[in-house]
Amino acid sequence: MKRERATAMVGEMLQRLDEGGSWPLELVDAVYVFGSYARGALEPGDVDVAVDFRQDERMKQRTVAYLVSGGISAWPTWPAATTSPPPPSGAGATS
């Protein structure tokens, strides 16, 4: 991608964080850019970012739900309302 597009993407991300105030953006403490874009490449393949954030109870619940579901149910609706993790396969089944 061209550097101008990468710069626009970074700018949009930072603008959303500045406007933020809602969950989970309010949990972000710092954003770091690294890789080819940070080194000044004119055509970086992507923009590498690392995000420092705090975890609140809601984030912990979402993470557990994601892990319990095998990574398929909790995050696609994120940041919608917290959902309960699905029961383990076969739980509650009767013969």
PDB file of N, CA and C in Angstrom:
ATOM      1  N   MET A   1       0.839  -1.168   0.000  1.00  0.00           N
ATOM      2  CA  MET A   1       0.000   0.000   0.000  1.00  0.00           C
ATOM      3  C   MET A   1       0.886   1.232   0.000  1.00  0.00           C
ATOM      4  N   LYS A   2       0.394   2.298  -0.515  1.00  0.00           N
ATOM      5  CA  LYS A   2       1.143   3.560  -0.534  1.00  0.00           C
ATOM      6  C   LYS A   2       1.190   4.151   0.869  1.00  0.00           C
ATOM      7  N   ARG A   3       2.261   4.863   1.157  1.00  0.00           N
ATOM      8  CA  ARG A   3       2.442   5.471   2.477  1.00  0.00           C
ATOM      9  C   ARG A   3       1.290   6.410   2.820  1.00  0.00           C
ATOM     10  N   GLU A   4       0.788   7.130   1.832  1.00  0.00           N
ATOM     11  CA  GLU A   4      -0.314   8.062   2.095  1.00  0.00           C
ATOM     12  C   GLU A   4      -1.533   7.321   2.646  1.00  0.00           C
ATOM     13  N   ARG A   5      -1.844   6.160   2.079  1.00  0.00           N
ATOM     14  CA  ARG A   5      -2.976   5.367   2.556  1.00  0.00           C
ATOM     15  C   ARG A   5      -2.712   4.855   3.964  1.00  0.00           C
ATOM     16  N   ALA A   6      -1.488   4.385   4.217  1.00  0.00           N
ATOM     17  CA  ALA A   6      -1.136   3.895   5.549  1.00  0.00           C
ATOM     18  C   ALA A   6      -1.252   5.025   6.580  1.00  0.00           C
ATOM     19  N   THR A   7      -0.801   6.214   6.210  1.00  0.00           N
ATOM     20  CA  THR A   7      -0.878   7.364   7.107  1.00  0.00           C
ATOM     21  C   THR A   7      -2.337   7.711   7.399  1.00  0.00           C
ATOM     22  N   ALA A   8      -3.194   7.636   6.385  1.00  0.00           N
ATOM     23  CA  ALA A   8      -4.621   7.898   6.578  1.00  0.00           C
ATOM     24  C   ALA A   8      -5.232   6.875   7.534  1.00  0.00           C
ATOM     25  N   MET A   9      -4.844   5.612   7.384  1.00  0.00           N
ATOM     26  CA  MET A   9      -5.369   4.563   8.264  1.00  0.00           C
ATOM     27  C   MET A   9      -4.964   4.813   9.715  1.00  0.00           C
ATOM     28  N   VAL A  10      -3.701   5.164   9.923  1.00  0.00           N
ATOM     29  CA  VAL A  10      -3.223   5.450  11.275  1.00  0.00           C
ATOM     30  C   VAL A  10      -3.968   6.662  11.833  1.00  0.00           C
ATOM     31  N   GLY A  11      -4.131   7.682  11.008  1.00  0.00           N
ATOM     32  CA  GLY A  11      -4.840   8.889  11.435  1.00  0.00           C
ATOM     33  C   GLY A  11      -6.278   8.594  11.828  1.00  0.00           C
ATOM     34  N   GLU A  12      -6.962   7.754  11.046  1.00  0.00           N
ATOM     35  CA  GLU A  12      -8.343   7.382  11.356  1.00  0.00           C
ATOM     36  C   GLU A  12      -8.428   6.620  12.676  1.00  0.00           C
ATOM     37  N   MET A  13      -7.477   5.716  12.887  1.00  0.00           N
ATOM     38  CA  MET A  13      -7.459   4.950  14.127  1.00  0.00           C
ATOM     39  C   MET A  13      -7.251   5.880  15.324  1.00  0.00           C
ATOM     40  N   LEU A  14      -6.292   6.794  15.220  1.00  0.00           N
ATOM     41  CA  LEU A  14      -6.012   7.704  16.329  1.00  0.00           C
ATOM     42  C   LEU A  14      -7.172   8.666  16.566  1.00  0.00           C
ATOM     43  N   GLN A  15      -7.844   9.082  15.505  1.00  0.00           N
ATOM     44  CA  GLN A  15      -8.999   9.962  15.651  1.00  0.00           C
ATOM     45  C   GLN A  15     -10.122   9.254  16.411  1.00  0.00           C
ATOM     46  N   ARG A  16     -10.365   7.986  16.067  1.00  0.00           N
ATOM     47  CA  ARG A  16     -11.388   7.210  16.788  1.00  0.00           C
ATOM     48  C   ARG A  16     -11.042   7.094  18.264  1.00  0.00           C
ATOM     49  N   LEU A  17      -9.750   6.910  18.558  1.00  0.00           N
ATOM     50  CA  LEU A  17      -9.329   6.818  19.953  1.00  0.00           C
ATOM     51  C   LEU A  17      -9.520   8.146  20.671  1.00  0.00           C
ATOM     52  N   ASP A  18      -9.195   9.249  19.993  1.00  0.00           N
ATOM     53  CA  ASP A  18      -9.369  10.577  20.596  1.00  0.00           C
ATOM     54  C   ASP A  18     -10.835  10.876  20.861  1.00  0.00           C
ATOM     55  N   GLU A  19     -11.698  10.490  19.933  1.00  0.00           N
ATOM     56  CA  GLU A  19     -13.131  10.725  20.085  1.00  0.00           C
ATOM     57  C   GLU A  19     -13.733   9.749  21.077  1.00  0.00           C
ATOM     58  N   GLY A  20     -13.169   8.548  21.096  1.00  0.00           N
ATOM     59  CA  GLY A  20     -13.563   7.418  21.933  1.00  0.00           C
ATOM     60  C   GLY A  20     -14.511   7.682  23.074  1.00  0.00           C
ATOM     61  N   GLY A  21     -14.070   7.384  24.253  1.00  0.00           N
ATOM     62  CA  GLY A  21     -14.885   7.542  25.427  1.00  0.00           C
ATOM     63  C   GLY A  21     -15.803   6.370  25.703  1.00  0.00           C
ATOM     64  N   SER A  22     -16.103   5.564  24.718  1.00  0.00           N
ATOM     65  CA  SER A  22     -16.971   4.418  24.949  1.00  0.00           C
ATOM     66  C   SER A  22     -16.130   3.144  25.016  1.00  0.00           C
ATOM     67  N   TRP A  23     -16.727   2.128  25.609  1.00  0.00           N
ATOM     68  CA  TRP A  23     -16.029   0.854  25.755  1.00  0.00           C
ATOM     69  C   TRP A  23     -15.872   0.202  24.397  1.00  0.00           C
ATOM     70  N   PRO A  24     -14.751  -0.365  24.061  1.00  0.00           N
ATOM     71  CA  PRO A  24     -13.533  -0.577  24.836  1.00  0.00           C
ATOM     72  C   PRO A  24     -12.470   0.480  24.598  1.00  0.00           C
ATOM     73  N   LEU A  25     -12.765   1.486  23.779  1.00  0.00           N
ATOM     74  CA  LEU A  25     -11.749   2.492  23.470  1.00  0.00           C
ATOM     75  C   LEU A  25     -11.251   3.205  24.717  1.00  0.00           C
ATOM     76  N   GLU A  26     -12.099   3.337  25.717  1.00  0.00           N
ATOM     77  CA  GLU A  26     -11.701   4.012  26.946  1.00  0.00           C
ATOM     78  C   GLU A  26     -10.612   3.259  27.701  1.00  0.00           C
ATOM     79  N   LEU A  27     -10.378   2.010  27.343  1.00  0.00           N
ATOM     80  CA  LEU A  27      -9.361   1.196  28.016  1.00  0.00           C
ATOM     81  C   LEU A  27      -7.967   1.369  27.420  1.00  0.00           C
ATOM     82  N   VAL A  28      -7.855   2.036  26.278  1.00  0.00           N
ATOM     83  CA  VAL A  28      -6.563   2.180  25.589  1.00  0.00           C
ATOM     84  C   VAL A  28      -5.711   3.236  26.281  1.00  0.00           C
ATOM     85  N   ASP A  29      -4.476   2.838  26.614  1.00  0.00           N
ATOM     86  CA  ASP A  29      -3.521   3.755  27.241  1.00  0.00           C
ATOM     87  C   ASP A  29      -2.521   4.314  26.246  1.00  0.00           C
ATOM     88  N   ALA A  30      -2.073   3.496  25.293  1.00  0.00           N
ATOM     89  CA  ALA A  30      -1.055   3.930  24.336  1.00  0.00           C
ATOM     90  C   ALA A  30      -1.122   3.081  23.072  1.00  0.00           C
ATOM     91  N   VAL A  31      -0.725   3.692  21.950  1.00  0.00           N
ATOM     92  CA  VAL A  31      -0.652   2.988  20.669  1.00  0.00           C
ATOM     93  C   VAL A  31       0.766   3.199  20.129  1.00  0.00           C
ATOM     94  N   TYR A  32       1.407   2.120  19.716  1.00  0.00           N
ATOM     95  CA  TYR A  32       2.758   2.177  19.169  1.00  0.00           C
ATOM     96  C   TYR A  32       2.732   1.670  17.733  1.00  0.00           C
ATOM     97  N   VAL A  33       3.387   2.401  16.847  1.00  0.00           N
ATOM     98  CA  VAL A  33       3.515   1.977  15.451  1.00  0.00           C
ATOM     99  C   VAL A  33       4.943   1.485  15.260  1.00  0.00           C
ATOM    100  N   PHE A  34       5.095   0.343  14.586  1.00  0.00           N
ATOM    101  CA  PHE A  34       6.433  -0.205  14.349  1.00  0.00           C
ATOM    102  C   PHE A  34       6.470  -0.854  12.979  1.00  0.00           C
ATOM    103  N   GLY A  35       7.581  -1.443  12.633  1.00  0.00           N
ATOM    104  CA  GLY A  35       7.709  -2.123  11.348  1.00  0.00           C
ATOM    105  C   GLY A  35       8.079  -1.178  10.218  1.00  0.00           C
ATOM    106  N   SER A  36       7.779  -1.606   9.007  1.00  0.00           N
ATOM    107  CA  SER A  36       8.209  -0.865   7.814  1.00  0.00           C
ATOM    108  C   SER A  36       7.616   0.543   7.757  1.00  0.00           C
ATOM    109  N   TYR A  37       6.384   0.711   8.189  1.00  0.00           N
ATOM    110  CA  TYR A  37       5.779   2.050   8.182  1.00  0.00           C
ATOM    111  C   TYR A  37       6.549   2.982   9.116  1.00  0.00           C
ATOM    112  N   ALA A  38       6.851   2.508  10.313  1.00  0.00           N
ATOM    113  CA  ALA A  38       7.590   3.317  11.290  1.00  0.00           C
ATOM    114  C   ALA A  38       9.002   3.632  10.810  1.00  0.00           C
ATOM    115  N   ARG A  39       9.562   2.738   9.986  1.00  0.00           N
ATOM    116  CA  ARG A  39      10.900   2.980   9.440  1.00  0.00           C
ATOM    117  C   ARG A  39      10.867   3.939   8.252  1.00  0.00           C
ATOM    118  N   GLY A  40       9.677   4.334   7.819  1.00  0.00           N
ATOM    119  CA  GLY A  40       9.575   5.315   6.741  1.00  0.00           C
ATOM    120  C   GLY A  40       9.413   4.742   5.351  1.00  0.00           C
ATOM    121  N   ALA A  41       9.063   3.470   5.233  1.00  0.00           N
ATOM    122  CA  ALA A  41       8.897   2.854   3.911  1.00  0.00           C
ATOM    123  C   ALA A  41       7.850   3.610   3.098  1.00  0.00           C
ATOM    124  N   LEU A  42       8.115   3.808   1.815  1.00  0.00           N
ATOM    125  CA  LEU A  42       7.168   4.500   0.939  1.00  0.00           C
ATOM    126  C   LEU A  42       5.980   3.625   0.576  1.00  0.00           C
ATOM    127  N   GLU A  43       6.186   2.285   0.592  1.00  0.00           N
ATOM    128  CA  GLU A  43       5.100   1.356   0.300  1.00  0.00           C
ATOM    129  C   GLU A  43       5.122   0.204   1.314  1.00  0.00           C
ATOM    130  N   PRO A  44       4.696   0.500   2.543  1.00  0.00           N
ATOM    131  CA  PRO A  44       4.679  -0.574   3.542  1.00  0.00           C
ATOM    132  C   PRO A  44       3.636  -1.621   3.177  1.00  0.00           C
ATOM    133  N   GLY A  45       3.910  -2.857   3.487  1.00  0.00           N
ATOM    134  CA  GLY A  45       2.954  -3.923   3.202  1.00  0.00           C
ATOM    135  C   GLY A  45       1.746  -3.850   4.112  1.00  0.00           C
ATOM    136  N   ASP A  46       1.942  -3.290   5.306  1.00  0.00           N
ATOM    137  CA  ASP A  46       0.870  -3.144   6.280  1.00  0.00           C
ATOM    138  C   ASP A  46       1.311  -2.118   7.306  1.00  0.00           C
ATOM    139  N   VAL A  47       0.476  -1.878   8.280  1.00  0.00           N
ATOM    140  CA  VAL A  47       0.834  -0.989   9.386  1.00  0.00           C
ATOM    141  C   VAL A  47       0.776  -1.824  10.658  1.00  0.00           C
ATOM    142  N   ASP A  48       1.921  -1.982  11.282  1.00  0.00           N
ATOM    143  CA  ASP A  48       2.014  -2.763  12.509  1.00  0.00           C
ATOM    144  C   ASP A  48       1.770  -1.851  13.705  1.00  0.00           C
ATOM    145  N   VAL A  49       0.840  -2.228  14.564  1.00  0.00           N
ATOM    146  CA  VAL A  49       0.560  -1.446  15.767  1.00  0.00           C
ATOM    147  C   VAL A  49       0.511  -2.365  16.977  1.00  0.00           C
ATOM    148  N   ALA A  50       0.928  -1.829  18.093  1.00  0.00           N
ATOM    149  CA  ALA A  50       0.795  -2.502  19.385  1.00  0.00           C
ATOM    150  C   ALA A  50      -0.024  -1.558  20.258  1.00  0.00           C
ATOM    151  N   VAL A  51      -0.930  -2.115  21.031  1.00  0.00           N
ATOM    152  CA  VAL A  51      -1.819  -1.305  21.856  1.00  0.00           C
ATOM    153  C   VAL A  51      -1.683  -1.719  23.319  1.00  0.00           C
ATOM    154  N   ASP A  52      -1.385  -0.740  24.170  1.00  0.00           N
ATOM    155  CA  ASP A  52      -1.398  -0.967  25.620  1.00  0.00           C
ATOM    156  C   ASP A  52      -2.779  -0.594  26.110  1.00  0.00           C
ATOM    157  N   PHE A  53      -3.402  -1.503  26.847  1.00  0.00           N
ATOM    158  CA  PHE A  53      -4.735  -1.230  27.362  1.00  0.00           C
ATOM    159  C   PHE A  53      -4.938  -1.893  28.708  1.00  0.00           C
ATOM    160  N   ARG A  54      -5.901  -1.363  29.435  1.00  0.00           N
ATOM    161  CA  ARG A  54      -6.278  -1.941  30.725  1.00  0.00           C
ATOM    162  C   ARG A  54      -7.384  -2.961  30.475  1.00  0.00           C
ATOM    163  N   GLN A  55      -7.484  -3.931  31.362  1.00  0.00           N
ATOM    164  CA  GLN A  55      -8.586  -4.892  31.278  1.00  0.00           C
ATOM    165  C   GLN A  55      -9.555  -4.607  32.407  1.00  0.00           C
ATOM    166  N   ASP A  56     -10.822  -4.449  32.049  1.00  0.00           N
ATOM    167  CA  ASP A  56     -11.856  -4.353  33.062  1.00  0.00           C
ATOM    168  C   ASP A  56     -12.605  -5.681  33.112  1.00  0.00           C
ATOM    169  N   GLU A  57     -13.584  -5.777  33.964  1.00  0.00           N
ATOM    170  CA  GLU A  57     -14.310  -7.036  34.109  1.00  0.00           C
ATOM    171  C   GLU A  57     -14.989  -7.449  32.805  1.00  0.00           C
ATOM    172  N   ARG A  58     -15.522  -6.496  32.082  1.00  0.00           N
ATOM    173  CA  ARG A  58     -16.195  -6.800  30.809  1.00  0.00           C
ATOM    174  C   ARG A  58     -15.220  -7.405  29.803  1.00  0.00           C
ATOM    175  N   MET A  59     -14.019  -6.848  29.725  1.00  0.00           N
ATOM    176  CA  MET A  59     -13.003  -7.367  28.804  1.00  0.00           C
ATOM    177  C   MET A  59     -12.606  -8.787  29.212  1.00  0.00           C
ATOM    178  N   LYS A  60     -12.467  -9.010  30.498  1.00  0.00           N
ATOM    179  CA  LYS A  60     -12.120 -10.354  30.972  1.00  0.00           C
ATOM    180  C   LYS A  60     -13.210 -11.357  30.593  1.00  0.00           C
ATOM    181  N   GLN A  61     -14.474 -10.968  30.766  1.00  0.00           N
ATOM    182  CA  GLN A  61     -15.576 -11.860  30.409  1.00  0.00           C
ATOM    183  C   GLN A  61     -15.572 -12.154  28.917  1.00  0.00           C
ATOM    184  N   ARG A  62     -15.320 -11.156  28.087  1.00  0.00           N
ATOM    185  CA  ARG A  62     -15.295 -11.365  26.640  1.00  0.00           C
ATOM    186  C   ARG A  62     -14.148 -12.282  26.240  1.00  0.00           C
ATOM    187  N   THR A  63     -13.007 -12.110  26.883  1.00  0.00           N
ATOM    188  CA  THR A  63     -11.853 -12.950  26.578  1.00  0.00           C
ATOM    189  C   THR A  63     -12.137 -14.402  26.940  1.00  0.00           C
ATOM    190  N   VAL A  64     -12.700 -14.632  28.112  1.00  0.00           N
ATOM    191  CA  VAL A  64     -13.039 -15.998  28.532  1.00  0.00           C
ATOM    192  C   VAL A  64     -14.060 -16.604  27.566  1.00  0.00           C
ATOM    193  N   ALA A  65     -15.090 -15.834  27.203  1.00  0.00           N
ATOM    194  CA  ALA A  65     -16.109 -16.336  26.280  1.00  0.00           C
ATOM    195  C   ALA A  65     -15.484 -16.707  24.942  1.00  0.00           C
ATOM    196  N   TYR A  66     -14.560 -15.903  24.465  1.00  0.00           N
ATOM    197  CA  TYR A  66     -13.866 -16.173  23.202  1.00  0.00           C
ATOM    198  C   TYR A  66     -13.082 -17.475  23.288  1.00  0.00           C
ATOM    199  N   LEU A  67     -12.336 -17.638  24.373  1.00  0.00           N
ATOM    200  CA  LEU A  67     -11.515 -18.843  24.526  1.00  0.00           C
ATOM    201  C   LEU A  67     -12.370 -20.092  24.685  1.00  0.00           C
ATOM    202  N   VAL A  68     -13.440 -19.997  25.468  1.00  0.00           N
ATOM    203  CA  VAL A  68     -14.314 -21.142  25.688  1.00  0.00           C
ATOM    204  C   VAL A  68     -14.998 -21.558  24.392  1.00  0.00           C
ATOM    205  N   SER A  69     -15.340 -20.593  23.543  1.00  0.00           N
ATOM    206  CA  SER A  69     -16.056 -20.895  22.304  1.00  0.00           C
ATOM    207  C   SER A  69     -15.141 -21.430  21.212  1.00  0.00           C
ATOM    208  N   GLY A  70     -13.863 -21.501  21.479  1.00  0.00           N
ATOM    209  CA  GLY A  70     -12.924 -21.931  20.445  1.00  0.00           C
ATOM    210  C   GLY A  70     -12.614 -20.809  19.469  1.00  0.00           C
ATOM    211  N   GLY A  71     -12.886 -19.581  19.879  1.00  0.00           N
ATOM    212  CA  GLY A  71     -12.553 -18.416  19.049  1.00  0.00           C
ATOM    213  C   GLY A  71     -13.561 -18.121  17.967  1.00  0.00           C
ATOM    214  N   ILE A  72     -14.803 -18.574  18.135  1.00  0.00           N
ATOM    215  CA  ILE A  72     -15.740 -18.339  17.045  1.00  0.00           C
ATOM    216  C   ILE A  72     -16.982 -17.548  17.420  1.00  0.00           C
ATOM    217  N   SER A  73     -17.255 -17.302  18.708  1.00  0.00           N
ATOM    218  CA  SER A  73     -18.540 -16.677  18.990  1.00  0.00           C
ATOM    219  C   SER A  73     -18.501 -15.320  19.678  1.00  0.00           C
ATOM    220  N   ALA A  74     -17.549 -15.057  20.534  1.00  0.00           N
ATOM    221  CA  ALA A  74     -17.628 -13.855  21.355  1.00  0.00           C
ATOM    222  C   ALA A  74     -17.176 -12.581  20.652  1.00  0.00           C
ATOM    223  N   TRP A  75     -16.109 -12.626  19.865  1.00  0.00           N
ATOM    224  CA  TRP A  75     -15.561 -11.391  19.321  1.00  0.00           C
ATOM    225  C   TRP A  75     -16.222 -10.893  18.049  1.00  0.00           C
ATOM    226  N   PRO A  76     -16.841 -11.712  17.218  1.00  0.00           N
ATOM    227  CA  PRO A  76     -17.426 -11.144  16.004  1.00  0.00           C
ATOM    228  C   PRO A  76     -18.450 -10.052  16.257  1.00  0.00           C
ATOM    229  N   THR A  77     -19.134 -10.058  17.395  1.00  0.00           N
ATOM    230  CA  THR A  77     -20.114  -9.030  17.703  1.00  0.00           C
ATOM    231  C   THR A  77     -19.522  -7.919  18.550  1.00  0.00           C
ATOM    232  N   TRP A  78     -18.276  -8.011  18.863  1.00  0.00           N
ATOM    233  CA  TRP A  78     -17.588  -7.052  19.709  1.00  0.00           C
ATOM    234  C   TRP A  78     -17.652  -5.687  19.072  1.00  0.00           C
ATOM    235  N   PRO A  79     -17.906  -4.598  19.744  1.00  0.00           N
ATOM    236  CA  PRO A  79     -18.061  -4.466  21.185  1.00  0.00           C
ATOM    237  C   PRO A  79     -19.508  -4.447  21.652  1.00  0.00           C
ATOM    238  N   ALA A  80     -20.329  -5.294  21.140  1.00  0.00           N
ATOM    239  CA  ALA A  80     -21.718  -5.376  21.595  1.00  0.00           C
ATOM    240  C   ALA A  80     -21.762  -5.833  23.047  1.00  0.00           C
ATOM    241  N   ALA A  81     -22.920  -5.918  23.577  1.00  0.00           N
ATOM    242  CA  ALA A  81     -23.091  -6.300  24.980  1.00  0.00           C
ATOM    243  C   ALA A  81     -22.420  -7.632  25.280  1.00  0.00           C
ATOM    244  N   THR A  82     -21.921  -7.761  26.480  1.00  0.00           N
ATOM    245  CA  THR A  82     -21.247  -8.980  26.897  1.00  0.00           C
ATOM    246  C   THR A  82     -22.197 -10.165  26.831  1.00  0.00           C
ATOM    247  N   THR A  83     -21.695 -11.253  26.286  1.00  0.00           N
ATOM    248  CA  THR A  83     -22.498 -12.466  26.219  1.00  0.00           C
ATOM    249  C   THR A  83     -21.900 -13.503  27.152  1.00  0.00           C
ATOM    250  N   SER A  84     -22.710 -14.405  27.593  1.00  0.00           N
ATOM    251  CA  SER A  84     -22.219 -15.506  28.407  1.00  0.00           C
ATOM    252  C   SER A  84     -21.556 -16.521  27.507  1.00  0.00           C
ATOM    253  N   PRO A  85     -20.491 -17.157  27.980  1.00  0.00           N
ATOM    254  CA  PRO A  85     -19.854 -18.173  27.144  1.00  0.00           C
ATOM    255  C   PRO A  85     -20.812 -19.321  26.898  1.00  0.00           C
ATOM    256  N   PRO A  86     -20.720 -19.968  25.741  1.00  0.00           N
ATOM    257  CA  PRO A  86     -21.596 -21.103  25.467  1.00  0.00           C
ATOM    258  C   PRO A  86     -21.231 -22.269  26.372  1.00  0.00           C
ATOM    259  N   PRO A  87     -22.203 -23.149  26.662  1.00  0.00           N
ATOM    260  CA  PRO A  87     -21.876 -24.300  27.509  1.00  0.00           C
ATOM    261  C   PRO A  87     -20.949 -25.240  26.748  1.00  0.00           C
ATOM    262  N   PRO A  88     -20.160 -26.035  27.464  1.00  0.00           N
ATOM    263  CA  PRO A  88     -19.283 -27.000  26.797  1.00  0.00           C
ATOM    264  C   PRO A  88     -20.117 -27.950  25.940  1.00  0.00           C
ATOM    265  N   SER A  89     -19.523 -28.452  24.904  1.00  0.00           N
ATOM    266  CA  SER A  89     -20.201 -29.379  24.005  1.00  0.00           C
ATOM    267  C   SER A  89     -20.771 -30.556  24.792  1.00  0.00           C
ATOM    268  N   GLY A  90     -22.051 -30.828  24.600  1.00  0.00           N
ATOM    269  CA  GLY A  90     -22.686 -31.934  25.271  1.00  0.00           C
ATOM    270  C   GLY A  90     -23.214 -31.603  26.648  1.00  0.00           C
ATOM    271  N   ALA A  91     -22.947 -30.383  27.151  1.00  0.00           N
ATOM    272  CA  ALA A  91     -23.424 -30.019  28.489  1.00  0.00           C
ATOM    273  C   ALA A  91     -24.944 -29.953  28.487  1.00  0.00           C
ATOM    274  N   GLY A  92     -25.529 -30.497  29.479  1.00  0.00           N
ATOM    275  CA  GLY A  92     -26.980 -30.460  29.616  1.00  0.00           C
ATOM    276  C   GLY A  92     -27.712 -31.458  28.736  1.00  0.00           C
ATOM    277  N   ALA A  93     -26.993 -32.264  27.982  1.00  0.00           N
ATOM    278  CA  ALA A  93     -27.636 -33.240  27.109  1.00  0.00           C
ATOM    279  C   ALA A  93     -28.128 -34.414  27.942  1.00  0.00           C
ATOM    280  N   THR A  94     -29.267 -34.918  27.565  1.00  0.00           N
ATOM    281  CA  THR A  94     -29.801 -36.087  28.260  1.00  0.00           C
ATOM    282  C   THR A  94     -29.880 -37.245  27.300  1.00  0.00           C
ATOM    283  N   SER A  95     -29.823 -38.455  27.823  1.00  0.00           N
ATOM    284  CA  SER A  95     -29.898 -39.620  26.961  1.00  0.00           C
ATOM    285  C   SER A  95     -31.257 -40.253  27.044  1.00  0.00           C
TER     286      SER A  95
END
